[in-house]
Structures are given as C-alpha cells and as structure tokens.
Amino acid sequence: MDIAKIEWIDSCHFSGWRQEHEYQDTQISRCVSVGFLIRKTKTEIVFAQSYSDTGNYAEITAIPIQAIKKITILERRK
C-alpha cells in the first residue's frame, strides 16, 4: 500500500434555497489530498487518511479518475 499525494478537482455544492445572485460566483476547487492508496481502477482512486497495523482503514475517499489531475507516490510500502 503506497502513500500518495493526489491533486484533484472537486465540485461546488450549496444546500438549501438560494437566490440567484448567491451562486453566481461559485467555483470548483483544486484540492490536494494525502493518504494511503487502497486501489486505483479505470474509474476511481480510493484512499484512506489513516491505516492501523490491524489492517483497518479510516476516512476513506473515492475520487473519480476524471477529476484527478496528478498522483505523486510519496512512499512505496509493502
């Protein structure tokens, strides 16, 4: 399991009712995440913020491949 830095684009989301002028300046975000790479497929990258020596993961995130701009492997782990 590798430790990776993932640069990706996230969507913008508002909840609740809004007037049109409140969302005219919305922007997507360029994000950077670092975590334990669980798997990479043709459609997604799945990684976790934390990993324990018992084989458990916490704070798992899946990002669509189309949203990923760059992956940098920081550490190769067995």
N, C-alpha and C. Protein backbone atom coordinates (compact mmCIF):
# COMPACT_ATOMS: atom_id res chain seq x y z
N MET A 1 0.84 -1.16 0.00
CA MET A 1 0.00 0.00 0.00
C MET A 1 0.89 1.24 0.00
N ASP A 2 0.73 2.07 -1.00
CA ASP A 2 1.54 3.27 -1.15
C ASP A 2 0.91 4.46 -0.44
N ILE A 3 1.74 5.42 -0.10
CA ILE A 3 1.25 6.71 0.38
C ILE A 3 1.35 7.67 -0.80
N ALA A 4 0.25 8.33 -1.13
CA ALA A 4 0.19 9.16 -2.32
C ALA A 4 -0.34 10.56 -2.03
N LYS A 5 0.15 11.50 -2.82
CA LYS A 5 -0.40 12.87 -2.85
C LYS A 5 -1.25 12.94 -4.09
N ILE A 6 -2.52 13.30 -3.94
CA ILE A 6 -3.47 13.31 -5.06
C ILE A 6 -3.97 14.73 -5.25
N GLU A 7 -3.77 15.26 -6.45
CA GLU A 7 -4.27 16.58 -6.81
C GLU A 7 -5.49 16.38 -7.68
N TRP A 8 -6.62 17.01 -7.29
CA TRP A 8 -7.88 16.73 -7.97
C TRP A 8 -8.81 17.94 -7.93
N ILE A 9 -9.82 17.88 -8.75
CA ILE A 9 -10.82 18.94 -8.86
C ILE A 9 -12.11 18.47 -8.18
N ASP A 10 -12.65 19.33 -7.31
CA ASP A 10 -13.88 18.99 -6.60
C ASP A 10 -15.00 19.91 -7.05
N SER A 11 -16.21 19.43 -6.95
CA SER A 11 -17.37 20.22 -7.32
C SER A 11 -17.73 21.20 -6.21
N CYS A 12 -18.59 22.13 -6.52
CA CYS A 12 -19.09 23.10 -5.56
C CYS A 12 -20.54 22.74 -5.25
N HIS A 13 -20.91 22.82 -3.99
CA HIS A 13 -22.26 22.42 -3.59
C HIS A 13 -22.83 23.38 -2.56
N PHE A 14 -24.07 23.80 -2.78
CA PHE A 14 -24.81 24.58 -1.80
C PHE A 14 -26.04 23.79 -1.41
N SER A 15 -26.41 23.83 -0.15
CA SER A 15 -27.65 23.19 0.25
C SER A 15 -28.65 24.26 0.67
N GLY A 16 -29.89 23.91 0.62
CA GLY A 16 -30.94 24.87 0.98
C GLY A 16 -31.27 25.80 -0.18
N TRP A 17 -32.27 26.60 0.02
CA TRP A 17 -32.72 27.53 -1.00
C TRP A 17 -31.77 28.72 -1.09
N ARG A 18 -31.48 29.15 -2.30
CA ARG A 18 -30.60 30.29 -2.54
C ARG A 18 -31.21 31.19 -3.61
N GLN A 19 -30.91 32.47 -3.51
CA GLN A 19 -31.28 33.38 -4.59
C GLN A 19 -30.19 33.33 -5.64
N GLU A 20 -30.54 33.65 -6.87
CA GLU A 20 -29.61 33.51 -7.99
C GLU A 20 -28.29 34.25 -7.76
N HIS A 21 -28.32 35.45 -7.20
CA HIS A 21 -27.08 36.21 -7.01
C HIS A 21 -26.13 35.53 -6.01
N GLU A 22 -26.62 34.63 -5.16
CA GLU A 22 -25.79 33.97 -4.16
C GLU A 22 -24.90 32.88 -4.75
N TYR A 23 -25.20 32.39 -5.92
CA TYR A 23 -24.39 31.32 -6.50
C TYR A 23 -23.77 31.70 -7.84
N GLN A 24 -23.77 32.95 -8.20
CA GLN A 24 -23.18 33.39 -9.46
C GLN A 24 -21.66 33.28 -9.46
N ASP A 25 -21.03 33.39 -8.31
CA ASP A 25 -19.58 33.36 -8.23
C ASP A 25 -19.04 32.02 -7.74
N THR A 26 -19.79 30.95 -7.92
CA THR A 26 -19.31 29.65 -7.47
C THR A 26 -18.12 29.21 -8.30
N GLN A 27 -17.24 28.46 -7.68
CA GLN A 27 -16.05 27.96 -8.36
C GLN A 27 -15.79 26.54 -7.91
N ILE A 28 -15.30 25.74 -8.84
CA ILE A 28 -14.84 24.42 -8.43
C ILE A 28 -13.51 24.61 -7.73
N SER A 29 -13.13 23.65 -6.92
CA SER A 29 -11.92 23.77 -6.12
C SER A 29 -10.83 22.82 -6.61
N ARG A 30 -9.60 23.29 -6.60
CA ARG A 30 -8.45 22.41 -6.84
C ARG A 30 -7.99 21.94 -5.47
N CYS A 31 -8.02 20.64 -5.25
CA CYS A 31 -7.74 20.06 -3.94
C CYS A 31 -6.47 19.24 -3.96
N VAL A 32 -5.86 19.10 -2.79
CA VAL A 32 -4.70 18.22 -2.61
C VAL A 32 -4.99 17.35 -1.40
N SER A 33 -4.91 16.04 -1.59
CA SER A 33 -5.12 15.09 -0.50
C SER A 33 -3.92 14.16 -0.42
N VAL A 34 -3.59 13.74 0.79
CA VAL A 34 -2.52 12.78 1.00
C VAL A 34 -3.10 11.61 1.79
N GLY A 35 -2.81 10.39 1.35
CA GLY A 35 -3.35 9.25 2.07
C GLY A 35 -2.78 7.93 1.60
N PHE A 36 -3.28 6.88 2.22
CA PHE A 36 -2.88 5.51 1.90
C PHE A 36 -3.70 5.04 0.71
N LEU A 37 -3.03 4.73 -0.38
CA LEU A 37 -3.70 4.33 -1.61
C LEU A 37 -4.22 2.90 -1.46
N ILE A 38 -5.53 2.73 -1.46
CA ILE A 38 -6.15 1.42 -1.31
C ILE A 38 -6.26 0.74 -2.66
N ARG A 39 -6.78 1.47 -3.65
CA ARG A 39 -6.85 0.90 -5.01
C ARG A 39 -6.98 2.01 -6.05
N LYS A 40 -6.55 1.67 -7.26
CA LYS A 40 -6.68 2.54 -8.41
C LYS A 40 -7.26 1.68 -9.52
N THR A 41 -8.39 2.10 -10.07
CA THR A 41 -9.02 1.39 -11.17
C THR A 41 -9.15 2.33 -12.36
N LYS A 42 -9.79 1.88 -13.40
CA LYS A 42 -10.02 2.73 -14.58
C LYS A 42 -11.00 3.86 -14.27
N THR A 43 -11.79 3.71 -13.20
CA THR A 43 -12.82 4.69 -12.92
C THR A 43 -12.61 5.51 -11.65
N GLU A 44 -11.74 5.03 -10.73
CA GLU A 44 -11.61 5.74 -9.46
C GLU A 44 -10.28 5.48 -8.77
N ILE A 45 -9.96 6.39 -7.86
CA ILE A 45 -8.86 6.22 -6.91
C ILE A 45 -9.53 6.16 -5.54
N VAL A 46 -9.15 5.17 -4.73
CA VAL A 46 -9.68 5.05 -3.37
C VAL A 46 -8.50 5.11 -2.41
N PHE A 47 -8.58 6.01 -1.44
CA PHE A 47 -7.50 6.14 -0.47
C PHE A 47 -8.09 6.43 0.91
N ALA A 48 -7.25 6.25 1.93
CA ALA A 48 -7.69 6.46 3.31
C ALA A 48 -6.75 7.44 3.99
N GLN A 49 -7.30 8.17 4.92
CA GLN A 49 -6.49 9.11 5.70
C GLN A 49 -5.63 8.38 6.72
N SER A 50 -6.16 7.29 7.28
CA SER A 50 -5.45 6.56 8.32
C SER A 50 -5.48 5.07 8.07
N TYR A 51 -4.45 4.38 8.60
CA TYR A 51 -4.33 2.93 8.48
C TYR A 51 -3.77 2.40 9.80
N SER A 52 -4.30 1.28 10.27
CA SER A 52 -3.79 0.68 11.51
C SER A 52 -3.07 -0.62 11.22
N ASP A 53 -2.23 -1.07 12.16
CA ASP A 53 -1.49 -2.31 11.97
C ASP A 53 -2.38 -3.54 12.03
N THR A 54 -3.66 -3.36 12.34
CA THR A 54 -4.62 -4.47 12.31
C THR A 54 -5.28 -4.62 10.93
N GLY A 55 -4.87 -3.76 9.99
CA GLY A 55 -5.40 -3.84 8.63
C GLY A 55 -6.66 -3.03 8.39
N ASN A 56 -6.98 -2.14 9.30
CA ASN A 56 -8.18 -1.30 9.16
C ASN A 56 -7.83 0.08 8.60
N TYR A 57 -8.78 0.63 7.84
CA TYR A 57 -8.64 1.97 7.29
C TYR A 57 -9.70 2.88 7.90
N ALA A 58 -9.42 4.19 7.93
CA ALA A 58 -10.39 5.18 8.39
C ALA A 58 -10.40 6.36 7.43
N GLU A 59 -11.54 7.02 7.35
CA GLU A 59 -11.73 8.21 6.50
C GLU A 59 -11.38 7.89 5.04
N ILE A 60 -12.15 6.99 4.46
CA ILE A 60 -11.92 6.54 3.08
C ILE A 60 -12.60 7.50 2.10
N THR A 61 -11.88 7.84 1.04
CA THR A 61 -12.39 8.73 0.00
C THR A 61 -12.22 8.06 -1.36
N ALA A 62 -13.23 8.18 -2.20
CA ALA A 62 -13.16 7.70 -3.59
C ALA A 62 -13.30 8.92 -4.50
N ILE A 63 -12.37 9.06 -5.44
CA ILE A 63 -12.39 10.19 -6.37
C ILE A 63 -12.46 9.64 -7.79
N PRO A 64 -13.38 10.15 -8.60
CA PRO A 64 -13.44 9.70 -10.00
C PRO A 64 -12.14 10.04 -10.73
N ILE A 65 -11.69 9.13 -11.56
CA ILE A 65 -10.45 9.32 -12.34
C ILE A 65 -10.48 10.62 -13.12
N GLN A 66 -11.63 11.00 -13.67
CA GLN A 66 -11.73 12.22 -14.48
C GLN A 66 -11.41 13.47 -13.67
N ALA A 67 -11.57 13.42 -12.35
CA ALA A 67 -11.33 14.60 -11.51
C ALA A 67 -9.87 14.71 -11.08
N ILE A 68 -9.08 13.68 -11.32
CA ILE A 68 -7.70 13.66 -10.84
C ILE A 68 -6.77 14.32 -11.86
N LYS A 69 -5.97 15.25 -11.37
CA LYS A 69 -5.01 15.96 -12.22
C LYS A 69 -3.61 15.37 -12.11
N LYS A 70 -3.23 14.88 -10.91
CA LYS A 70 -1.88 14.37 -10.73
C LYS A 70 -1.83 13.46 -9.50
N ILE A 71 -1.07 12.38 -9.61
CA ILE A 71 -0.81 11.50 -8.47
C ILE A 71 0.70 11.39 -8.30
N THR A 72 1.17 11.65 -7.09
CA THR A 72 2.58 11.54 -6.77
C THR A 72 2.72 10.51 -5.65
N ILE A 73 3.47 9.45 -5.91
CA ILE A 73 3.72 8.45 -4.87
C ILE A 73 4.81 9.01 -3.95
N LEU A 74 4.48 9.18 -2.68
CA LEU A 74 5.41 9.73 -1.70
C LEU A 74 6.24 8.65 -1.04
N GLU A 75 5.63 7.47 -0.89
CA GLU A 75 6.34 6.36 -0.25
C GLU A 75 5.76 5.05 -0.74
N ARG A 76 6.61 4.15 -1.15
CA ARG A 76 6.19 2.80 -1.54
C ARG A 76 6.25 1.93 -0.30
N ARG A 77 5.14 1.25 -0.01
CA ARG A 77 5.06 0.39 1.17
C ARG A 77 4.66 -1.00 0.74
N LYS A 78 5.11 -1.99 1.49
CA LYS A 78 4.75 -3.39 1.20
C LYS A 78 3.51 -3.79 1.92
